[in-house]
């Protein structure tokens, strides 16, 4: 036969039961935290927890022909550099989460990465071409893409390279802190770059056509950068111009002046130090 518990015993059971339930709840919360889960209603913005994704690029090494022994060291060095460039871009992807507008990843990470890879695969092709048939079409391996369903630095769903979606996300448009991009059409400024032609030695006749073609390309690159400067007024954060325009322009100019130096060096002394002429500046 059961007996009713005295009132003070009932209270003691209730207190003990409540403490046990509280301890169990705490254990569940701790276990969830250790497992990487976020308790509901924790006040944490889910976007800040989403992975920004990762960058993947076409494999270059598997697309190369037989590499001459004389070129192997230079080719290996540049293949390693390609991996380093991807690692740096992935790090930047993480470091800049929450920055920029809807096209920040394309403009400030994937675009500059492509330009660096173009310059690097061109050096690989040139190294092989000195003593064997120069491989063609390696530039097609330069573009990379963003994988993963994370949140891009503009807060919008990630897009593959070249996708201009998420037009409804204005990001940091109108940020007055970016260099030369004060958020109004009259303040874009212009880009100026060191003159390359005046720094070249005598150009052999056999190299003149290639050198002239690349000097023209340098002018085209500046014109394109100036157009982009105007077209993107009001976009991005404080470093948008440096990251999305001046940085990629420098990489393109490095590749171009290297082609000029290589063309001259085939039949004369190869000019040194042309890379120092690659960086450009913004004039307001």
C-alpha atoms as a PDB file:
ATOM      1  CA  UNK A   1       0.000   0.000   0.000  1.00  0.00           C
ATOM      2  CA  UNK A   2       1.504   3.346  -1.002  1.00  0.00           C
ATOM      3  CA  UNK A   3       1.450   6.336   1.218  1.00  0.00           C
ATOM      4  CA  UNK A   4       1.214   9.980   0.158  1.00  0.00           C
ATOM      5  CA  UNK A   5       4.510  11.801   0.635  1.00  0.00           C
ATOM      6  CA  UNK A   6       4.554  14.587   3.185  1.00  0.00           C
ATOM      7  CA  UNK A   7       4.425  18.068   1.669  1.00  0.00           C
ATOM      8  CA  UNK A   8       8.080  18.858   2.486  1.00  0.00           C
ATOM      9  CA  UNK A   9       9.159  15.628   0.743  1.00  0.00           C
ATOM     10  CA  UNK A  10       7.130  16.566  -2.325  1.00  0.00           C
ATOM     11  CA  UNK A  11       8.920  19.904  -2.510  1.00  0.00           C
ATOM     12  CA  UNK A  12      12.286  18.160  -2.157  1.00  0.00           C
ATOM     13  CA  UNK A  13      11.459  15.780  -5.021  1.00  0.00           C
ATOM     14  CA  UNK A  14      10.323  18.687  -7.185  1.00  0.00           C
ATOM     15  CA  UNK A  15      13.545  20.638  -6.524  1.00  0.00           C
ATOM     16  CA  UNK A  16      15.731  17.621  -7.195  1.00  0.00           C
ATOM     17  CA  UNK A  17      13.784  16.801 -10.369  1.00  0.00           C
ATOM     18  CA  UNK A  18      14.038  20.401 -11.592  1.00  0.00           C
ATOM     19  CA  UNK A  19      17.804  20.513 -10.954  1.00  0.00           C
ATOM     20  CA  UNK A  20      18.273  17.250 -12.815  1.00  0.00           C
ATOM     21  CA  UNK A  21      16.284  18.564 -15.763  1.00  0.00           C
ATOM     22  CA  UNK A  22      18.338  21.774 -15.776  1.00  0.00           C
ATOM     23  CA  UNK A  23      21.592  19.820 -15.674  1.00  0.00           C
ATOM     24  CA  UNK A  24      20.412  17.594 -18.508  1.00  0.00           C
ATOM     25  CA  UNK A  25      19.428  20.640 -20.562  1.00  0.00           C
ATOM     26  CA  UNK A  26      22.864  22.133 -19.957  1.00  0.00           C
ATOM     27  CA  UNK A  27      24.505  18.897 -21.042  1.00  0.00           C
ATOM     28  CA  UNK A  28      22.489  18.885 -24.247  1.00  0.00           C
ATOM     29  CA  UNK A  29      23.518  22.481 -25.005  1.00  0.00           C
ATOM     30  CA  UNK A  30      27.189  21.726 -24.325  1.00  0.00           C
ATOM     31  CA  UNK A  31      27.018  18.550 -26.412  1.00  0.00           C
ATOM     32  CA  UNK A  32      25.407  20.466 -29.275  1.00  0.00           C
ATOM     33  CA  UNK A  33      28.087  23.146 -29.098  1.00  0.00           C
ATOM     34  CA  UNK A  34      30.860  20.571 -29.142  1.00  0.00           C
ATOM     35  CA  UNK A  35      29.229  18.929 -32.140  1.00  0.00           C
ATOM     36  CA  UNK A  36      29.258  22.230 -34.008  1.00  0.00           C
ATOM     37  CA  UNK A  37      25.502  22.705 -33.803  1.00  0.00           C
ATOM     38  CA  UNK A  38      23.888  26.012 -32.914  1.00  0.00           C
ATOM     39  CA  UNK A  39      20.994  25.885 -30.457  1.00  0.00           C
ATOM     40  CA  UNK A  40      17.776  27.360 -31.761  1.00  0.00           C
ATOM     41  CA  UNK A  41      16.998  30.961 -30.935  1.00  0.00           C
ATOM     42  CA  UNK A  42      20.625  31.569 -29.995  1.00  0.00           C
ATOM     43  CA  UNK A  43      20.565  34.936 -31.746  1.00  0.00           C
ATOM     44  CA  UNK A  44      23.368  33.935 -34.129  1.00  0.00           C
ATOM     45  CA  UNK A  45      22.976  35.001 -37.746  1.00  0.00           C
ATOM     46  CA  UNK A  46      23.023  31.800 -39.811  1.00  0.00           C
ATOM     47  CA  UNK A  47      24.778  33.623 -42.659  1.00  0.00           C
ATOM     48  CA  UNK A  48      27.841  34.239 -40.528  1.00  0.00           C
ATOM     49  CA  UNK A  49      28.111  30.506 -39.858  1.00  0.00           C
ATOM     50  CA  UNK A  50      27.745  29.382 -43.462  1.00  0.00           C
ATOM     51  CA  UNK A  51      30.878  28.294 -45.235  1.00  0.00           C
ATOM     52  CA  UNK A  52      32.033  30.729 -47.937  1.00  0.00           C
ATOM     53  CA  UNK A  53      32.795  27.715 -50.126  1.00  0.00           C
ATOM     54  CA  UNK A  54      36.091  26.845 -51.776  1.00  0.00           C
ATOM     55  CA  UNK A  55      37.779  27.736 -55.029  1.00  0.00           C
ATOM     56  CA  UNK A  56      38.599  25.041 -57.563  1.00  0.00           C
ATOM     57  CA  UNK A  57      40.709  25.457 -60.683  1.00  0.00           C
ATOM     58  CA  UNK A  58      41.486  23.257 -63.699  1.00  0.00           C
ATOM     59  CA  UNK A  59      44.566  21.078 -63.306  1.00  0.00           C
ATOM     60  CA  UNK A  60      47.450  22.376 -65.404  1.00  0.00           C
ATOM     61  CA  UNK A  61      50.103  19.702 -64.808  1.00  0.00           C
ATOM     62  CA  UNK A  62      48.018  16.945 -66.425  1.00  0.00           C
ATOM     63  CA  UNK A  63      47.528  19.055 -69.579  1.00  0.00           C
ATOM     64  CA  UNK A  64      51.231  19.653 -70.255  1.00  0.00           C
ATOM     65  CA  UNK A  65      53.241  17.806 -72.904  1.00  0.00           C
ATOM     66  CA  UNK A  66      56.544  16.132 -72.116  1.00  0.00           C
ATOM     67  CA  UNK A  67      58.661  18.676 -70.266  1.00  0.00           C
ATOM     68  CA  UNK A  68      62.267  19.104 -71.464  1.00  0.00           C
ATOM     69  CA  UNK A  69      64.866  18.574 -68.735  1.00  0.00           C
ATOM     70  CA  UNK A  70      66.105  22.143 -69.223  1.00  0.00           C
ATOM     71  CA  UNK A  71      62.642  23.495 -68.386  1.00  0.00           C
ATOM     72  CA  UNK A  72      61.673  21.142 -65.573  1.00  0.00           C
ATOM     73  CA  UNK A  73      62.836  23.313 -62.656  1.00  0.00           C
ATOM     74  CA  UNK A  74      61.048  26.402 -63.965  1.00  0.00           C
ATOM     75  CA  UNK A  75      57.884  24.471 -64.791  1.00  0.00           C
ATOM     76  CA  UNK A  76      57.828  22.802 -61.361  1.00  0.00           C
ATOM     77  CA  UNK A  77      58.316  26.169 -59.672  1.00  0.00           C
ATOM     78  CA  UNK A  78      55.359  27.652 -61.523  1.00  0.00           C
ATOM     79  CA  UNK A  79      53.146  24.620 -60.910  1.00  0.00           C
ATOM     80  CA  UNK A  80      53.841  25.074 -57.193  1.00  0.00           C
ATOM     81  CA  UNK A  81      52.983  28.758 -57.573  1.00  0.00           C
ATOM     82  CA  UNK A  82      49.600  27.836 -59.075  1.00  0.00           C
ATOM     83  CA  UNK A  83      48.797  25.836 -55.923  1.00  0.00           C
ATOM     84  CA  UNK A  84      49.971  28.711 -53.734  1.00  0.00           C
ATOM     85  CA  UNK A  85      47.709  31.125 -55.617  1.00  0.00           C
ATOM     86  CA  UNK A  86      44.672  28.902 -55.028  1.00  0.00           C
ATOM     87  CA  UNK A  87      45.507  28.563 -51.320  1.00  0.00           C
ATOM     88  CA  UNK A  88      45.857  32.343 -50.986  1.00  0.00           C
ATOM     89  CA  UNK A  89      42.541  32.893 -52.785  1.00  0.00           C
ATOM     90  CA  UNK A  90      40.783  30.400 -50.494  1.00  0.00           C
ATOM     91  CA  UNK A  91      42.232  32.162 -47.449  1.00  0.00           C
ATOM     92  CA  UNK A  92      41.043  35.504 -48.778  1.00  0.00           C
ATOM     93  CA  UNK A  93      37.603  34.013 -49.366  1.00  0.00           C
ATOM     94  CA  UNK A  94      37.379  33.229 -45.660  1.00  0.00           C
ATOM     95  CA  UNK A  95      38.978  36.475 -44.474  1.00  0.00           C
ATOM     96  CA  UNK A  96      36.579  38.693 -46.452  1.00  0.00           C
ATOM     97  CA  UNK A  97      33.268  37.076 -45.552  1.00  0.00           C
ATOM     98  CA  UNK A  98      30.758  39.885 -45.070  1.00  0.00           C
ATOM     99  CA  UNK A  99      32.595  42.402 -47.259  1.00  0.00           C
ATOM    100  CA  UNK A 100      31.646  43.906 -50.609  1.00  0.00           C
ATOM    101  CA  UNK A 101      28.619  43.672 -52.869  1.00  0.00           C
ATOM    102  CA  UNK A 102      27.046  40.754 -54.729  1.00  0.00           C
ATOM    103  CA  UNK A 103      29.913  40.480 -57.209  1.00  0.00           C
ATOM    104  CA  UNK A 104      32.749  40.906 -54.712  1.00  0.00           C
ATOM    105  CA  UNK A 105      34.022  37.321 -55.019  1.00  0.00           C
ATOM    106  CA  UNK A 106      34.156  37.522 -58.816  1.00  0.00           C
ATOM    107  CA  UNK A 107      35.708  40.983 -58.905  1.00  0.00           C
ATOM    108  CA  UNK A 108      38.124  40.834 -55.999  1.00  0.00           C
ATOM    109  CA  UNK A 109      39.097  37.147 -55.747  1.00  0.00           C
ATOM    110  CA  UNK A 110      38.275  35.062 -58.832  1.00  0.00           C
ATOM    111  CA  UNK A 111      39.196  37.802 -61.328  1.00  0.00           C
ATOM    112  CA  UNK A 112      42.640  38.559 -59.862  1.00  0.00           C
ATOM    113  CA  UNK A 113      43.273  34.816 -59.440  1.00  0.00           C
ATOM    114  CA  UNK A 114      42.548  34.239 -63.128  1.00  0.00           C
ATOM    115  CA  UNK A 115      44.985  37.000 -64.129  1.00  0.00           C
ATOM    116  CA  UNK A 116      47.723  35.534 -61.917  1.00  0.00           C
ATOM    117  CA  UNK A 117      47.140  32.081 -63.393  1.00  0.00           C
ATOM    118  CA  UNK A 118      47.301  33.463 -66.946  1.00  0.00           C
ATOM    119  CA  UNK A 119      50.707  34.956 -66.197  1.00  0.00           C
ATOM    120  CA  UNK A 120      51.896  31.734 -64.555  1.00  0.00           C
ATOM    121  CA  UNK A 121      50.750  29.328 -67.289  1.00  0.00           C
ATOM    122  CA  UNK A 122      52.299  31.653 -69.872  1.00  0.00           C
ATOM    123  CA  UNK A 123      55.628  31.349 -68.074  1.00  0.00           C
ATOM    124  CA  UNK A 124      55.234  27.559 -68.127  1.00  0.00           C
ATOM    125  CA  UNK A 125      54.508  27.585 -71.865  1.00  0.00           C
ATOM    126  CA  UNK A 126      57.449  29.900 -72.521  1.00  0.00           C
ATOM    127  CA  UNK A 127      59.833  27.693 -70.503  1.00  0.00           C
ATOM    128  CA  UNK A 128      58.816  24.592 -72.467  1.00  0.00           C
ATOM    129  CA  UNK A 129      58.859  26.494 -75.761  1.00  0.00           C
ATOM    130  CA  UNK A 130      62.533  27.389 -75.453  1.00  0.00           C
ATOM    131  CA  UNK A 131      63.627  23.849 -76.346  1.00  0.00           C
ATOM    132  CA  UNK A 132      60.426  22.115 -77.543  1.00  0.00           C
ATOM    133  CA  UNK A 133      57.084  22.887 -79.140  1.00  0.00           C
ATOM    134  CA  UNK A 134      55.399  25.595 -77.095  1.00  0.00           C
ATOM    135  CA  UNK A 135      52.089  24.313 -75.668  1.00  0.00           C
ATOM    136  CA  UNK A 136      49.060  26.279 -76.847  1.00  0.00           C
ATOM    137  CA  UNK A 137      45.761  27.056 -75.168  1.00  0.00           C
ATOM    138  CA  UNK A 138      46.908  26.941 -71.547  1.00  0.00           C
ATOM    139  CA  UNK A 139      45.119  30.251 -70.929  1.00  0.00           C
ATOM    140  CA  UNK A 140      41.866  28.292 -71.089  1.00  0.00           C
ATOM    141  CA  UNK A 141      42.888  26.628 -67.800  1.00  0.00           C
ATOM    142  CA  UNK A 142      43.204  29.961 -65.983  1.00  0.00           C
ATOM    143  CA  UNK A 143      39.572  30.656 -64.880  1.00  0.00           C
ATOM    144  CA  UNK A 144      38.515  29.147 -61.564  1.00  0.00           C
ATOM    145  CA  UNK A 145      35.106  28.684 -59.957  1.00  0.00           C
ATOM    146  CA  UNK A 146      33.559  28.938 -56.524  1.00  0.00           C
ATOM    147  CA  UNK A 147      32.227  25.661 -55.127  1.00  0.00           C
ATOM    148  CA  UNK A 148      29.896  25.264 -52.192  1.00  0.00           C
ATOM    149  CA  UNK A 149      26.578  26.681 -51.072  1.00  0.00           C
ATOM    150  CA  UNK A 150      28.000  29.101 -48.567  1.00  0.00           C
ATOM    151  CA  UNK A 151      27.485  32.806 -48.295  1.00  0.00           C
ATOM    152  CA  UNK A 152      29.701  35.016 -50.366  1.00  0.00           C
ATOM    153  CA  UNK A 153      31.356  38.122 -48.959  1.00  0.00           C
ATOM    154  CA  UNK A 154      28.397  40.223 -50.089  1.00  0.00           C
ATOM    155  CA  UNK A 155      25.918  38.158 -48.088  1.00  0.00           C
ATOM    156  CA  UNK A 156      24.240  36.712 -51.206  1.00  0.00           C
ATOM    157  CA  UNK A 157      24.232  33.078 -52.291  1.00  0.00           C
ATOM    158  CA  UNK A 158      27.523  32.163 -53.927  1.00  0.00           C
ATOM    159  CA  UNK A 159      27.645  32.262 -57.717  1.00  0.00           C
ATOM    160  CA  UNK A 160      30.003  30.536 -60.143  1.00  0.00           C
ATOM    161  CA  UNK A 161      32.633  32.683 -61.796  1.00  0.00           C
ATOM    162  CA  UNK A 162      31.093  35.091 -64.234  1.00  0.00           C
ATOM    163  CA  UNK A 163      27.566  34.770 -62.856  1.00  0.00           C
ATOM    164  CA  UNK A 164      26.193  38.238 -62.232  1.00  0.00           C
ATOM    165  CA  UNK A 165      23.094  37.162 -60.347  1.00  0.00           C
ATOM    166  CA  UNK A 166      21.802  38.539 -57.029  1.00  0.00           C
ATOM    167  CA  UNK A 167      21.231  41.969 -58.497  1.00  0.00           C
ATOM    168  CA  UNK A 168      18.869  42.711 -55.643  1.00  0.00           C
ATOM    169  CA  UNK A 169      21.715  42.701 -53.119  1.00  0.00           C
ATOM    170  CA  UNK A 170      23.268  46.128 -53.052  1.00  0.00           C
ATOM    171  CA  UNK A 171      26.126  45.146 -50.761  1.00  0.00           C
ATOM    172  CA  UNK A 172      28.081  48.233 -49.783  1.00  0.00           C
ATOM    173  CA  UNK A 173      27.124  50.284 -52.825  1.00  0.00           C
ATOM    174  CA  UNK A 174      27.741  53.953 -52.248  1.00  0.00           C
ATOM    175  CA  UNK A 175      30.554  53.456 -49.735  1.00  0.00           C
ATOM    176  CA  UNK A 176      32.412  56.747 -49.763  1.00  0.00           C
ATOM    177  CA  UNK A 177      35.605  55.302 -48.311  1.00  0.00           C
ATOM    178  CA  UNK A 178      36.964  53.484 -51.346  1.00  0.00           C
ATOM    179  CA  UNK A 179      39.865  54.938 -53.250  1.00  0.00           C
ATOM    180  CA  UNK A 180      38.658  56.879 -56.227  1.00  0.00           C
ATOM    181  CA  UNK A 181      35.171  55.423 -55.904  1.00  0.00           C
ATOM    182  CA  UNK A 182      33.239  58.034 -53.958  1.00  0.00           C
ATOM    183  CA  UNK A 183      29.816  56.875 -55.034  1.00  0.00           C
ATOM    184  CA  UNK A 184      29.140  59.541 -57.654  1.00  0.00           C
ATOM    185  CA  UNK A 185      29.749  59.442 -61.371  1.00  0.00           C
ATOM    186  CA  UNK A 186      31.957  62.532 -61.398  1.00  0.00           C
ATOM    187  CA  UNK A 187      34.577  61.168 -59.002  1.00  0.00           C
ATOM    188  CA  UNK A 188      35.814  57.979 -60.667  1.00  0.00           C
ATOM    189  CA  UNK A 189      39.231  59.422 -61.551  1.00  0.00           C
ATOM    190  CA  UNK A 190      41.583  57.901 -64.108  1.00  0.00           C
ATOM    191  CA  UNK A 191      44.299  55.271 -64.045  1.00  0.00           C
ATOM    192  CA  UNK A 192      47.862  56.077 -65.037  1.00  0.00           C
ATOM    193  CA  UNK A 193      50.648  53.558 -65.618  1.00  0.00           C
ATOM    194  CA  UNK A 194      54.419  53.829 -66.214  1.00  0.00           C
ATOM    195  CA  UNK A 195      55.403  54.023 -69.873  1.00  0.00           C
ATOM    196  CA  UNK A 196      56.973  50.776 -71.045  1.00  0.00           C
ATOM    197  CA  UNK A 197      57.974  51.650 -74.612  1.00  0.00           C
ATOM    198  CA  UNK A 198      60.435  54.340 -73.493  1.00  0.00           C
ATOM    199  CA  UNK A 199      62.202  51.886 -71.159  1.00  0.00           C
ATOM    200  CA  UNK A 200      62.924  49.250 -73.796  1.00  0.00           C
ATOM    201  CA  UNK A 201      66.339  48.701 -75.398  1.00  0.00           C
ATOM    202  CA  UNK A 202      66.788  48.516 -79.155  1.00  0.00           C
ATOM    203  CA  UNK A 203      64.219  46.051 -80.465  1.00  0.00           C
ATOM    204  CA  UNK A 204      65.467  43.386 -82.902  1.00  0.00           C
ATOM    205  CA  UNK A 205      63.599  43.333 -86.209  1.00  0.00           C
ATOM    206  CA  UNK A 206      62.521  39.746 -85.540  1.00  0.00           C
ATOM    207  CA  UNK A 207      60.783  40.811 -82.316  1.00  0.00           C
ATOM    208  CA  UNK A 208      59.272  44.102 -83.463  1.00  0.00           C
ATOM    209  CA  UNK A 209      55.836  42.792 -84.469  1.00  0.00           C
ATOM    210  CA  UNK A 210      55.358  40.907 -81.192  1.00  0.00           C
ATOM    211  CA  UNK A 211      56.627  43.820 -79.098  1.00  0.00           C
ATOM    212  CA  UNK A 212      54.372  46.299 -80.898  1.00  0.00           C
ATOM    213  CA  UNK A 213      51.395  43.996 -80.435  1.00  0.00           C
ATOM    214  CA  UNK A 214      52.021  43.798 -76.689  1.00  0.00           C
ATOM    215  CA  UNK A 215      52.632  47.547 -76.352  1.00  0.00           C
ATOM    216  CA  UNK A 216      49.242  48.073 -77.960  1.00  0.00           C
ATOM    217  CA  UNK A 217      47.783  45.545 -75.537  1.00  0.00           C
ATOM    218  CA  UNK A 218      49.159  47.551 -72.599  1.00  0.00           C
ATOM    219  CA  UNK A 219      47.207  50.586 -73.821  1.00  0.00           C
ATOM    220  CA  UNK A 220      44.081  48.471 -74.286  1.00  0.00           C
ATOM    221  CA  UNK A 221      44.386  47.165 -70.731  1.00  0.00           C
ATOM    222  CA  UNK A 222      44.553  50.697 -69.340  1.00  0.00           C
ATOM    223  CA  UNK A 223      41.534  51.768 -71.401  1.00  0.00           C
ATOM    224  CA  UNK A 224      39.538  48.766 -70.176  1.00  0.00           C
ATOM    225  CA  UNK A 225      40.507  49.500 -66.557  1.00  0.00           C
ATOM    226  CA  UNK A 226      39.429  53.133 -66.916  1.00  0.00           C
ATOM    227  CA  UNK A 227      36.093  52.024 -68.372  1.00  0.00           C
ATOM    228  CA  UNK A 228      35.593  49.610 -65.510  1.00  0.00           C
ATOM    229  CA  UNK A 229      36.446  52.381 -63.066  1.00  0.00           C
ATOM    230  CA  UNK A 230      33.541  54.422 -64.423  1.00  0.00           C
ATOM    231  CA  UNK A 231      31.151  51.473 -64.743  1.00  0.00           C
ATOM    232  CA  UNK A 232      31.626  50.382 -61.109  1.00  0.00           C
ATOM    233  CA  UNK A 233      31.322  53.728 -59.345  1.00  0.00           C
ATOM    234  CA  UNK A 234      29.402  53.158 -56.123  1.00  0.00           C
ATOM    235  CA  UNK A 235      30.225  49.461 -55.876  1.00  0.00           C
ATOM    236  CA  UNK A 236      32.279  47.581 -53.336  1.00  0.00           C
ATOM    237  CA  UNK A 237      34.049  48.502 -50.139  1.00  0.00           C
ATOM    238  CA  UNK A 238      37.024  50.726 -49.342  1.00  0.00           C
ATOM    239  CA  UNK A 239      39.531  48.548 -51.202  1.00  0.00           C
ATOM    240  CA  UNK A 240      37.365  47.761 -54.221  1.00  0.00           C
ATOM    241  CA  UNK A 241      39.427  49.767 -56.738  1.00  0.00           C
ATOM    242  CA  UNK A 242      42.710  48.231 -55.554  1.00  0.00           C
ATOM    243  CA  UNK A 243      41.357  44.692 -55.376  1.00  0.00           C
ATOM    244  CA  UNK A 244      39.086  44.590 -58.403  1.00  0.00           C
ATOM    245  CA  UNK A 245      40.738  47.001 -60.861  1.00  0.00           C
ATOM    246  CA  UNK A 246      44.332  48.010 -60.054  1.00  0.00           C
ATOM    247  CA  UNK A 247      45.334  44.523 -58.835  1.00  0.00           C
ATOM    248  CA  UNK A 248      44.087  42.640 -61.902  1.00  0.00           C
ATOM    249  CA  UNK A 249      45.532  45.354 -64.165  1.00  0.00           C
ATOM    250  CA  UNK A 250      48.952  44.893 -62.583  1.00  0.00           C
ATOM    251  CA  UNK A 251      48.798  41.120 -63.128  1.00  0.00           C
ATOM    252  CA  UNK A 252      47.854  41.597 -66.786  1.00  0.00           C
ATOM    253  CA  UNK A 253      50.697  44.074 -67.277  1.00  0.00           C
ATOM    254  CA  UNK A 254      53.209  41.694 -65.644  1.00  0.00           C
ATOM    255  CA  UNK A 255      52.249  38.987 -68.143  1.00  0.00           C
ATOM    256  CA  UNK A 256      52.422  41.444 -71.049  1.00  0.00           C
ATOM    257  CA  UNK A 257      55.821  42.973 -70.213  1.00  0.00           C
ATOM    258  CA  UNK A 258      57.176  39.465 -69.660  1.00  0.00           C
ATOM    259  CA  UNK A 259      56.104  38.564 -73.185  1.00  0.00           C
ATOM    260  CA  UNK A 260      57.858  41.690 -74.458  1.00  0.00           C
ATOM    261  CA  UNK A 261      61.045  40.788 -72.601  1.00  0.00           C
ATOM    262  CA  UNK A 262      60.885  37.208 -73.861  1.00  0.00           C
ATOM    263  CA  UNK A 263      60.404  38.348 -77.476  1.00  0.00           C
ATOM    264  CA  UNK A 264      63.457  40.617 -77.304  1.00  0.00           C
ATOM    265  CA  UNK A 265      65.486  38.004 -75.444  1.00  0.00           C
ATOM    266  CA  UNK A 266      65.199  35.465 -78.238  1.00  0.00           C
ATOM    267  CA  UNK A 267      67.751  37.320 -80.386  1.00  0.00           C
ATOM    268  CA  UNK A 268      69.239  39.963 -78.051  1.00  0.00           C
ATOM    269  CA  UNK A 269      69.912  40.604 -74.387  1.00  0.00           C
ATOM    270  CA  UNK A 270      66.677  40.101 -72.473  1.00  0.00           C
ATOM    271  CA  UNK A 271      65.646  43.334 -70.721  1.00  0.00           C
ATOM    272  CA  UNK A 272      65.452  43.027 -66.943  1.00  0.00           C
ATOM    273  CA  UNK A 273      63.245  44.755 -64.389  1.00  0.00           C
ATOM    274  CA  UNK A 274      60.239  45.435 -66.610  1.00  0.00           C
ATOM    275  CA  UNK A 275      57.974  44.017 -63.880  1.00  0.00           C
ATOM    276  CA  UNK A 276      58.646  47.217 -61.925  1.00  0.00           C
ATOM    277  CA  UNK A 277      56.628  49.062 -64.580  1.00  0.00           C
ATOM    278  CA  UNK A 278      53.531  46.921 -64.023  1.00  0.00           C
ATOM    279  CA  UNK A 279      51.842  48.689 -61.049  1.00  0.00           C
ATOM    280  CA  UNK A 280      49.502  51.547 -61.913  1.00  0.00           C
ATOM    281  CA  UNK A 281      47.944  54.276 -59.785  1.00  0.00           C
ATOM    282  CA  UNK A 282      44.607  56.017 -59.494  1.00  0.00           C
ATOM    283  CA  UNK A 283      44.547  59.748 -60.223  1.00  0.00           C
ATOM    284  CA  UNK A 284      41.520  61.546 -58.849  1.00  0.00           C
END
